Amino acid sequence: MSDADPSSLSFEQLVEQLERTIDRMASGAIGIEEATELYEHAGRLHALAADRLASIQARIERLTSPAGQQGAE
């Protein structure tokens, strides 16, 4: 696992780290304790990525709504 604070990562970095974590879990070359830790870590990464994505989607909706477009003019 990376030492970087996941909350400071971009959406793309979160997804990349989540993919690496899942690949490691799927390798089968880890013990049950490490698998459990990785599963918990993957859950945290997923939650952060989902929150980040929801925030981005809300921004896009505000920018593309008729009220948001009026403010841009």
Protein backbone atom coordinates (compact mmCIF):
# COMPACT_ATOMS: atom_id res chain seq x y z
CA MET A 1 0.00 0.00 0.00
CA SER A 2 1.11 3.54 -0.62
CA ASP A 3 2.12 5.86 2.22
CA ALA A 4 0.36 8.81 0.57
CA ASP A 5 -2.75 10.11 2.32
CA PRO A 6 -5.57 8.88 0.06
CA SER A 7 -7.69 11.96 0.81
CA SER A 8 -5.09 14.11 -0.97
CA LEU A 9 -5.17 12.03 -4.18
CA SER A 10 -6.99 12.97 -7.37
CA PHE A 11 -9.90 10.86 -8.59
CA GLU A 12 -7.65 9.25 -11.20
CA GLN A 13 -4.99 8.45 -8.59
CA LEU A 14 -7.62 6.93 -6.30
CA VAL A 15 -8.87 4.68 -9.10
CA GLU A 16 -5.30 3.67 -9.98
CA GLN A 17 -4.52 2.82 -6.37
CA LEU A 18 -7.81 0.92 -6.05
CA GLU A 19 -6.98 -1.11 -9.16
CA ARG A 20 -3.51 -1.96 -7.79
CA THR A 21 -5.05 -2.99 -4.47
CA ILE A 22 -7.61 -5.22 -6.16
CA ASP A 23 -4.91 -6.79 -8.37
CA ARG A 24 -2.84 -7.58 -5.28
CA MET A 25 -5.85 -9.16 -3.57
CA ALA A 26 -6.65 -11.20 -6.68
CA SER A 27 -3.10 -12.49 -6.98
CA GLY A 28 -3.72 -15.01 -4.22
CA ALA A 29 -0.16 -14.55 -3.01
CA ILE A 30 -1.17 -12.93 0.29
CA GLY A 31 -2.32 -14.19 3.64
CA ILE A 32 -5.74 -13.72 5.15
CA GLU A 33 -4.64 -10.86 7.42
CA GLU A 34 -3.12 -8.88 4.57
CA ALA A 35 -6.15 -9.64 2.42
CA THR A 36 -8.39 -8.24 5.14
CA GLU A 37 -6.27 -5.09 5.44
CA LEU A 38 -6.31 -4.64 1.66
CA TYR A 39 -10.08 -5.15 1.58
CA GLU A 40 -10.54 -2.42 4.19
CA HIS A 41 -8.15 -0.14 2.30
CA ALA A 42 -10.03 -0.79 -0.95
CA GLY A 43 -13.27 0.16 0.80
CA ARG A 44 -11.79 3.47 1.94
CA LEU A 45 -10.42 4.19 -1.54
CA HIS A 46 -13.78 3.36 -3.10
CA ALA A 47 -15.63 5.65 -0.70
CA LEU A 48 -13.23 8.53 -1.39
CA ALA A 49 -13.44 8.01 -5.16
CA ALA A 50 -17.25 7.84 -5.05
CA ASP A 51 -17.42 11.06 -3.00
CA ARG A 52 -14.98 12.79 -5.35
CA LEU A 53 -16.97 11.65 -8.40
CA ALA A 54 -20.27 12.83 -6.88
CA SER A 55 -18.70 16.23 -6.21
CA ILE A 56 -17.41 16.47 -9.78
CA GLN A 57 -20.80 15.46 -11.19
CA ALA A 58 -22.53 18.12 -9.07
CA ARG A 59 -20.11 20.77 -10.39
CA ILE A 60 -20.77 19.71 -13.98
CA GLU A 61 -24.53 19.81 -13.41
CA ARG A 62 -24.25 23.33 -11.96
CA LEU A 63 -22.12 24.46 -14.88
CA THR A 64 -24.43 23.00 -17.51
CA SER A 65 -27.74 24.00 -15.91
CA PRO A 66 -29.54 27.01 -17.39
CA ALA A 67 -28.84 29.00 -14.19
CA GLY A 68 -25.15 28.08 -14.33
CA GLN A 69 -24.88 29.10 -17.97
CA GLN A 70 -26.44 32.51 -17.25
CA GLY A 71 -23.70 33.22 -14.71
CA ALA A 72 -21.05 32.42 -17.31
CA GLU A 73 -22.28 34.99 -19.78
